[in-house]
Amino acid sequence: MVEDPGVLRVSSSCVIPLSELTWRFSRSGGPGGQHANTSDTRVEVRFDVAASSALGPRQRRRLLDRLGPEVRIVVSDERSQRRNRDLALERLAARLAASLRVEAPRRPTRPTKGSVERRLETKRRQADRKAARRRPDLDR
């Protein structure tokens, strides 16, 4: 997903320079032996949506509404900081792309004649099944 080393391509219309991302590295928790106690492999990347110059006004408004003024991704899956950086960029791009996606409004449709008949037939069968469980009416 990351082709150009200087930018993060979110979509065809949204490209973010890596200079707008803020990185922080720290030690990962959990097991790992001596390596885990000396390596800063946990990666945190932040993207300031409100201050970004790479976003257009509609993109900024949509991201602010859906994600807030800052997007934060934390990755500590791998033992390698390089791999965690790549994962963080992929997850950031995926989250931004999902938030920028415009869903087409749903147009309500009427149920088909066959689906109505199937639903009513199922209801009739269920009613008959329950009626068969009742005690016979002796007054008739």
N, C-alpha and C. Protein backbone atom coordinates (compact mmCIF):
# COMPACT_ATOMS: atom_id res chain seq x y z
N MET A 1 0.82 -1.19 0.00
CA MET A 1 0.00 0.00 0.00
C MET A 1 0.87 1.25 0.00
N VAL A 2 2.07 1.18 0.55
CA VAL A 2 2.96 2.33 0.61
C VAL A 2 3.96 2.22 -0.54
N GLU A 3 3.74 3.01 -1.63
CA GLU A 3 4.64 2.94 -2.77
C GLU A 3 5.73 3.99 -2.65
N ASP A 4 5.38 5.25 -2.55
CA ASP A 4 6.33 6.35 -2.46
C ASP A 4 6.80 6.46 -1.01
N PRO A 5 8.11 6.47 -0.76
CA PRO A 5 8.58 6.50 0.63
C PRO A 5 8.25 7.79 1.37
N GLY A 6 7.91 8.86 0.66
CA GLY A 6 7.65 10.14 1.32
C GLY A 6 6.19 10.43 1.60
N VAL A 7 5.28 9.57 1.12
CA VAL A 7 3.85 9.84 1.30
C VAL A 7 3.11 8.58 1.68
N LEU A 8 1.95 8.78 2.26
CA LEU A 8 1.03 7.70 2.59
C LEU A 8 -0.18 7.86 1.68
N ARG A 9 -0.38 6.92 0.76
CA ARG A 9 -1.52 6.99 -0.16
C ARG A 9 -2.72 6.33 0.48
N VAL A 10 -3.73 7.15 0.81
CA VAL A 10 -4.95 6.66 1.46
C VAL A 10 -5.96 6.23 0.40
N SER A 11 -6.14 7.08 -0.60
CA SER A 11 -7.05 6.78 -1.71
C SER A 11 -6.51 7.52 -2.93
N SER A 12 -7.21 7.43 -4.03
CA SER A 12 -6.74 8.11 -5.24
C SER A 12 -6.77 9.62 -5.08
N SER A 13 -7.63 10.12 -4.22
CA SER A 13 -7.75 11.57 -4.04
C SER A 13 -7.12 12.07 -2.74
N CYS A 14 -6.56 11.17 -1.93
CA CYS A 14 -6.00 11.58 -0.64
C CYS A 14 -4.61 10.99 -0.46
N VAL A 15 -3.62 11.88 -0.44
CA VAL A 15 -2.23 11.49 -0.22
C VAL A 15 -1.69 12.36 0.91
N ILE A 16 -1.13 11.70 1.93
CA ILE A 16 -0.65 12.42 3.12
C ILE A 16 0.88 12.33 3.16
N PRO A 17 1.57 13.47 3.24
CA PRO A 17 3.02 13.42 3.39
C PRO A 17 3.38 12.82 4.76
N LEU A 18 4.42 12.01 4.79
CA LEU A 18 4.83 11.39 6.06
C LEU A 18 5.31 12.43 7.06
N SER A 19 5.64 13.62 6.58
CA SER A 19 6.08 14.68 7.50
C SER A 19 4.95 15.17 8.40
N GLU A 20 3.68 14.88 8.02
CA GLU A 20 2.55 15.29 8.84
C GLU A 20 2.22 14.27 9.93
N LEU A 21 2.94 13.15 9.95
CA LEU A 21 2.70 12.11 10.96
C LEU A 21 3.69 12.29 12.10
N THR A 22 3.20 12.06 13.32
CA THR A 22 4.05 12.12 14.50
C THR A 22 4.25 10.71 15.02
N TRP A 23 5.52 10.33 15.20
CA TRP A 23 5.87 8.97 15.62
C TRP A 23 6.35 8.97 17.05
N ARG A 24 6.04 7.89 17.77
CA ARG A 24 6.55 7.66 19.13
C ARG A 24 6.87 6.19 19.27
N PHE A 25 7.98 5.89 19.89
CA PHE A 25 8.41 4.50 20.06
C PHE A 25 8.61 4.22 21.54
N SER A 26 8.21 3.03 21.95
CA SER A 26 8.40 2.65 23.36
C SER A 26 8.57 1.14 23.42
N ARG A 27 8.80 0.64 24.59
CA ARG A 27 9.02 -0.79 24.76
C ARG A 27 7.68 -1.53 24.77
N SER A 28 7.65 -2.63 24.07
CA SER A 28 6.44 -3.46 24.04
C SER A 28 6.32 -4.23 25.34
N GLY A 29 5.09 -4.50 25.74
CA GLY A 29 4.85 -5.32 26.91
C GLY A 29 4.84 -6.78 26.53
N GLY A 30 4.76 -7.64 27.52
CA GLY A 30 4.65 -9.06 27.25
C GLY A 30 5.99 -9.75 27.20
N PRO A 31 5.98 -11.06 26.93
CA PRO A 31 7.21 -11.83 26.93
C PRO A 31 8.09 -11.49 25.73
N GLY A 32 9.35 -11.86 25.82
CA GLY A 32 10.26 -11.62 24.72
C GLY A 32 11.70 -11.75 25.14
N GLY A 33 11.93 -11.97 26.38
CA GLY A 33 13.30 -12.16 26.85
C GLY A 33 14.08 -10.88 26.88
N GLN A 34 15.39 -10.98 26.75
CA GLN A 34 16.26 -9.81 26.85
C GLN A 34 16.02 -8.82 25.73
N HIS A 35 15.63 -9.31 24.55
CA HIS A 35 15.40 -8.43 23.41
C HIS A 35 14.31 -7.39 23.72
N ALA A 36 13.25 -7.83 24.40
CA ALA A 36 12.11 -6.95 24.67
C ALA A 36 12.48 -5.86 25.67
N ASN A 37 13.47 -6.12 26.49
CA ASN A 37 13.84 -5.13 27.51
C ASN A 37 14.76 -4.05 26.96
N THR A 38 15.27 -4.23 25.76
CA THR A 38 16.22 -3.26 25.21
C THR A 38 15.74 -2.59 23.94
N SER A 39 14.68 -3.07 23.31
CA SER A 39 14.25 -2.55 22.02
C SER A 39 12.94 -1.79 22.14
N ASP A 40 12.90 -0.62 21.50
CA ASP A 40 11.67 0.16 21.45
C ASP A 40 10.89 -0.25 20.21
N THR A 41 10.16 -1.36 20.30
CA THR A 41 9.48 -1.90 19.13
C THR A 41 8.02 -1.49 19.04
N ARG A 42 7.44 -1.01 20.13
CA ARG A 42 6.04 -0.55 20.09
C ARG A 42 6.01 0.78 19.35
N VAL A 43 5.08 0.90 18.40
CA VAL A 43 5.01 2.08 17.54
C VAL A 43 3.66 2.76 17.74
N GLU A 44 3.70 4.07 17.89
CA GLU A 44 2.47 4.87 17.96
C GLU A 44 2.60 5.97 16.92
N VAL A 45 1.63 6.05 16.03
CA VAL A 45 1.63 7.10 15.01
C VAL A 45 0.37 7.93 15.20
N ARG A 46 0.55 9.25 15.10
CA ARG A 46 -0.58 10.18 15.24
C ARG A 46 -0.67 11.04 13.99
N PHE A 47 -1.91 11.30 13.59
CA PHE A 47 -2.16 12.17 12.45
C PHE A 47 -3.14 13.25 12.89
N ASP A 48 -2.70 14.50 12.79
CA ASP A 48 -3.52 15.64 13.21
C ASP A 48 -4.42 16.04 12.04
N VAL A 49 -5.67 15.61 12.12
CA VAL A 49 -6.63 15.87 11.04
C VAL A 49 -6.91 17.36 10.92
N ALA A 50 -7.07 18.03 12.05
CA ALA A 50 -7.46 19.44 12.05
C ALA A 50 -6.38 20.32 11.42
N ALA A 51 -5.11 19.99 11.60
CA ALA A 51 -4.02 20.84 11.12
C ALA A 51 -3.43 20.37 9.79
N SER A 52 -3.94 19.34 9.19
CA SER A 52 -3.35 18.78 7.97
C SER A 52 -3.59 19.68 6.77
N SER A 53 -2.52 19.89 6.00
CA SER A 53 -2.65 20.67 4.77
C SER A 53 -2.92 19.78 3.57
N ALA A 54 -2.85 18.47 3.74
CA ALA A 54 -3.03 17.52 2.64
C ALA A 54 -4.50 17.24 2.36
N LEU A 55 -5.38 17.61 3.28
CA LEU A 55 -6.80 17.28 3.14
C LEU A 55 -7.57 18.45 2.55
N GLY A 56 -8.55 18.13 1.72
CA GLY A 56 -9.46 19.15 1.23
C GLY A 56 -10.51 19.44 2.29
N PRO A 57 -11.29 20.50 2.11
CA PRO A 57 -12.27 20.88 3.14
C PRO A 57 -13.32 19.80 3.40
N ARG A 58 -13.79 19.11 2.34
CA ARG A 58 -14.79 18.05 2.55
C ARG A 58 -14.18 16.84 3.24
N GLN A 59 -12.97 16.49 2.83
CA GLN A 59 -12.28 15.36 3.47
C GLN A 59 -12.03 15.66 4.95
N ARG A 60 -11.56 16.87 5.25
CA ARG A 60 -11.29 17.24 6.65
C ARG A 60 -12.57 17.18 7.48
N ARG A 61 -13.67 17.72 6.94
CA ARG A 61 -14.93 17.72 7.68
C ARG A 61 -15.40 16.29 7.95
N ARG A 62 -15.30 15.43 6.94
CA ARG A 62 -15.74 14.03 7.10
C ARG A 62 -14.89 13.31 8.14
N LEU A 63 -13.57 13.49 8.10
CA LEU A 63 -12.69 12.84 9.07
C LEU A 63 -12.90 13.39 10.48
N LEU A 64 -13.10 14.70 10.60
CA LEU A 64 -13.36 15.28 11.92
C LEU A 64 -14.66 14.74 12.50
N ASP A 65 -15.68 14.59 11.66
CA ASP A 65 -16.96 14.06 12.15
C ASP A 65 -16.85 12.61 12.57
N ARG A 66 -16.09 11.82 11.81
CA ARG A 66 -16.05 10.37 12.06
C ARG A 66 -14.94 9.94 13.01
N LEU A 67 -13.79 10.64 13.00
CA LEU A 67 -12.65 10.19 13.80
C LEU A 67 -12.19 11.17 14.86
N GLY A 68 -12.62 12.42 14.76
CA GLY A 68 -12.16 13.42 15.72
C GLY A 68 -10.96 14.18 15.19
N PRO A 69 -10.39 15.08 16.00
CA PRO A 69 -9.31 15.95 15.54
C PRO A 69 -7.96 15.24 15.35
N GLU A 70 -7.80 14.06 15.95
CA GLU A 70 -6.54 13.35 15.84
C GLU A 70 -6.79 11.85 15.73
N VAL A 71 -6.06 11.20 14.83
CA VAL A 71 -6.16 9.76 14.66
C VAL A 71 -4.88 9.15 15.23
N ARG A 72 -5.05 8.14 16.08
CA ARG A 72 -3.90 7.51 16.76
C ARG A 72 -3.95 6.01 16.53
N ILE A 73 -2.84 5.46 16.08
CA ILE A 73 -2.72 4.02 15.84
C ILE A 73 -1.53 3.52 16.66
N VAL A 74 -1.73 2.43 17.40
CA VAL A 74 -0.67 1.83 18.20
C VAL A 74 -0.49 0.38 17.74
N VAL A 75 0.75 0.00 17.45
CA VAL A 75 1.04 -1.36 16.99
C VAL A 75 2.22 -1.91 17.79
N SER A 76 2.03 -3.10 18.34
CA SER A 76 3.13 -3.80 19.00
C SER A 76 3.04 -5.28 18.70
N ASP A 77 2.60 -5.61 17.48
CA ASP A 77 2.36 -7.00 17.09
C ASP A 77 3.66 -7.78 16.86
N GLU A 78 4.62 -7.14 16.23
CA GLU A 78 5.84 -7.83 15.81
C GLU A 78 7.01 -7.45 16.71
N ARG A 79 8.10 -8.21 16.60
CA ARG A 79 9.30 -7.93 17.38
C ARG A 79 10.18 -6.90 16.70
N SER A 80 9.88 -6.57 15.46
CA SER A 80 10.67 -5.62 14.69
C SER A 80 9.98 -4.26 14.66
N GLN A 81 10.73 -3.21 14.96
CA GLN A 81 10.16 -1.86 14.90
C GLN A 81 9.79 -1.52 13.46
N ARG A 82 10.60 -1.91 12.51
CA ARG A 82 10.34 -1.63 11.09
C ARG A 82 9.00 -2.23 10.66
N ARG A 83 8.78 -3.49 11.04
CA ARG A 83 7.52 -4.16 10.67
C ARG A 83 6.34 -3.48 11.36
N ASN A 84 6.50 -3.10 12.62
CA ASN A 84 5.42 -2.40 13.34
C ASN A 84 5.14 -1.04 12.70
N ARG A 85 6.17 -0.36 12.20
CA ARG A 85 5.96 0.93 11.51
C ARG A 85 5.12 0.71 10.25
N ASP A 86 5.48 -0.34 9.48
CA ASP A 86 4.72 -0.63 8.25
C ASP A 86 3.27 -0.98 8.57
N LEU A 87 3.06 -1.79 9.61
CA LEU A 87 1.69 -2.14 10.02
C LEU A 87 0.91 -0.91 10.46
N ALA A 88 1.57 -0.01 11.18
CA ALA A 88 0.89 1.21 11.64
C ALA A 88 0.46 2.06 10.46
N LEU A 89 1.33 2.19 9.45
CA LEU A 89 0.96 2.96 8.26
C LEU A 89 -0.20 2.31 7.52
N GLU A 90 -0.17 0.99 7.39
CA GLU A 90 -1.27 0.29 6.72
C GLU A 90 -2.58 0.49 7.46
N ARG A 91 -2.55 0.37 8.78
CA ARG A 91 -3.78 0.52 9.57
C ARG A 91 -4.29 1.95 9.54
N LEU A 92 -3.38 2.92 9.57
CA LEU A 92 -3.79 4.32 9.48
C LEU A 92 -4.45 4.58 8.14
N ALA A 93 -3.83 4.11 7.06
CA ALA A 93 -4.40 4.31 5.72
C ALA A 93 -5.77 3.64 5.62
N ALA A 94 -5.91 2.44 6.18
CA ALA A 94 -7.19 1.73 6.11
C ALA A 94 -8.27 2.47 6.90
N ARG A 95 -7.92 2.97 8.08
CA ARG A 95 -8.91 3.69 8.90
C ARG A 95 -9.33 4.99 8.22
N LEU A 96 -8.37 5.71 7.66
CA LEU A 96 -8.71 6.96 6.97
C LEU A 96 -9.55 6.68 5.73
N ALA A 97 -9.18 5.65 4.96
CA ALA A 97 -9.93 5.31 3.75
C ALA A 97 -11.37 4.92 4.08
N ALA A 98 -11.54 4.13 5.15
CA ALA A 98 -12.89 3.71 5.54
C ALA A 98 -13.72 4.92 5.98
N SER A 99 -13.09 5.89 6.62
CA SER A 99 -13.83 7.07 7.08
C SER A 99 -14.13 8.02 5.94
N LEU A 100 -13.32 8.02 4.91
CA LEU A 100 -13.55 8.91 3.77
C LEU A 100 -14.57 8.34 2.79
N ARG A 101 -14.84 7.05 2.88
CA ARG A 101 -15.76 6.39 1.95
C ARG A 101 -17.17 6.95 2.13
N VAL A 102 -17.79 7.29 1.03
CA VAL A 102 -19.16 7.82 1.05
C VAL A 102 -20.10 6.68 0.68
N GLU A 103 -20.98 6.33 1.60
CA GLU A 103 -21.94 5.26 1.35
C GLU A 103 -23.12 5.81 0.55
N ALA A 104 -23.56 5.06 -0.43
CA ALA A 104 -24.73 5.45 -1.20
C ALA A 104 -25.97 5.30 -0.32
N PRO A 105 -26.87 6.27 -0.34
CA PRO A 105 -28.06 6.15 0.51
C PRO A 105 -28.93 4.98 0.06
N ARG A 106 -29.51 4.29 1.02
CA ARG A 106 -30.35 3.14 0.71
C ARG A 106 -31.73 3.62 0.30
N ARG A 107 -32.18 3.09 -0.82
CA ARG A 107 -33.55 3.39 -1.27
C ARG A 107 -34.44 2.25 -0.84
N PRO A 108 -35.47 2.53 -0.07
CA PRO A 108 -36.34 1.45 0.39
C PRO A 108 -37.06 0.80 -0.79
N THR A 109 -37.16 -0.52 -0.73
CA THR A 109 -37.86 -1.26 -1.78
C THR A 109 -38.98 -2.08 -1.16
N ARG A 110 -39.94 -2.46 -2.00
CA ARG A 110 -41.04 -3.28 -1.51
C ARG A 110 -40.66 -4.74 -1.56
N PRO A 111 -41.16 -5.54 -0.63
CA PRO A 111 -40.85 -6.98 -0.70
C PRO A 111 -41.51 -7.60 -1.93
N THR A 112 -40.88 -8.61 -2.48
CA THR A 112 -41.43 -9.27 -3.67
C THR A 112 -42.66 -10.09 -3.27
N LYS A 113 -43.47 -10.41 -4.25
CA LYS A 113 -44.67 -11.20 -3.99
C LYS A 113 -44.30 -12.57 -3.43
N GLY A 114 -43.24 -13.18 -3.99
CA GLY A 114 -42.80 -14.50 -3.52
C GLY A 114 -42.33 -14.45 -2.07
N SER A 115 -41.60 -13.40 -1.68
CA SER A 115 -41.11 -13.33 -0.30
C SER A 115 -42.27 -13.13 0.69
N VAL A 116 -43.29 -12.38 0.28
CA VAL A 116 -44.47 -12.20 1.15
C VAL A 116 -45.19 -13.53 1.32
N GLU A 117 -45.36 -14.26 0.21
CA GLU A 117 -46.05 -15.56 0.29
C GLU A 117 -45.27 -16.54 1.16
N ARG A 118 -43.93 -16.58 1.01
CA ARG A 118 -43.10 -17.48 1.82
C ARG A 118 -43.21 -17.13 3.31
N ARG A 119 -43.20 -15.84 3.61
CA ARG A 119 -43.31 -15.41 5.01
C ARG A 119 -44.65 -15.82 5.60
N LEU A 120 -45.74 -15.63 4.85
CA LEU A 120 -47.06 -15.98 5.35
C LEU A 120 -47.23 -17.49 5.49
N GLU A 121 -46.65 -18.24 4.54
CA GLU A 121 -46.72 -19.71 4.62
C GLU A 121 -45.96 -20.20 5.86
N THR A 122 -44.83 -19.63 6.14
CA THR A 122 -44.06 -20.01 7.34
C THR A 122 -44.85 -19.70 8.60
N LYS A 123 -45.51 -18.53 8.61
CA LYS A 123 -46.33 -18.17 9.77
C LYS A 123 -47.47 -19.16 9.95
N ARG A 124 -48.10 -19.56 8.83
CA ARG A 124 -49.21 -20.52 8.90
C ARG A 124 -48.73 -21.86 9.45
N ARG A 125 -47.57 -22.32 8.94
CA ARG A 125 -47.02 -23.60 9.39
C ARG A 125 -46.69 -23.56 10.88
N GLN A 126 -46.13 -22.47 11.34
CA GLN A 126 -45.79 -22.33 12.77
C GLN A 126 -47.07 -22.30 13.61
N ALA A 127 -48.11 -21.62 13.15
CA ALA A 127 -49.38 -21.57 13.88
C ALA A 127 -50.01 -22.97 13.95
N ASP A 128 -49.97 -23.72 12.85
CA ASP A 128 -50.51 -25.08 12.85
C ASP A 128 -49.73 -25.98 13.81
N ARG A 129 -48.43 -25.83 13.83
CA ARG A 129 -47.58 -26.64 14.71
C ARG A 129 -47.93 -26.36 16.17
N LYS A 130 -48.12 -25.10 16.50
CA LYS A 130 -48.45 -24.75 17.89
C LYS A 130 -49.89 -25.19 18.23
N ALA A 131 -50.80 -25.10 17.25
CA ALA A 131 -52.18 -25.52 17.48
C ALA A 131 -52.25 -27.03 17.74
N ALA A 132 -51.37 -27.79 17.10
CA ALA A 132 -51.35 -29.24 17.29
C ALA A 132 -50.88 -29.62 18.69
N ARG A 133 -50.17 -28.74 19.35
CA ARG A 133 -49.67 -29.03 20.70
C ARG A 133 -50.73 -28.79 21.78
N ARG A 134 -51.78 -28.02 21.41
CA ARG A 134 -52.80 -27.68 22.41
C ARG A 134 -53.66 -28.88 22.73
N ARG A 135 -54.28 -28.81 23.90
CA ARG A 135 -55.21 -29.87 24.31
C ARG A 135 -56.46 -29.77 23.45
N PRO A 136 -57.04 -30.90 23.02
CA PRO A 136 -58.22 -30.85 22.15
C PRO A 136 -59.40 -30.17 22.88
N ASP A 137 -60.16 -29.42 22.13
CA ASP A 137 -61.32 -28.74 22.68
C ASP A 137 -62.51 -29.70 22.67
N LEU A 138 -62.99 -30.10 23.88
CA LEU A 138 -64.05 -31.12 24.00
C LEU A 138 -65.45 -30.53 23.89
N ASP A 139 -65.61 -29.23 23.93
CA ASP A 139 -66.92 -28.60 23.88
C ASP A 139 -67.54 -28.62 22.49
N ARG A 140 -66.83 -28.84 21.47
CA ARG A 140 -67.34 -28.77 20.09
C ARG A 140 -67.93 -30.04 19.64
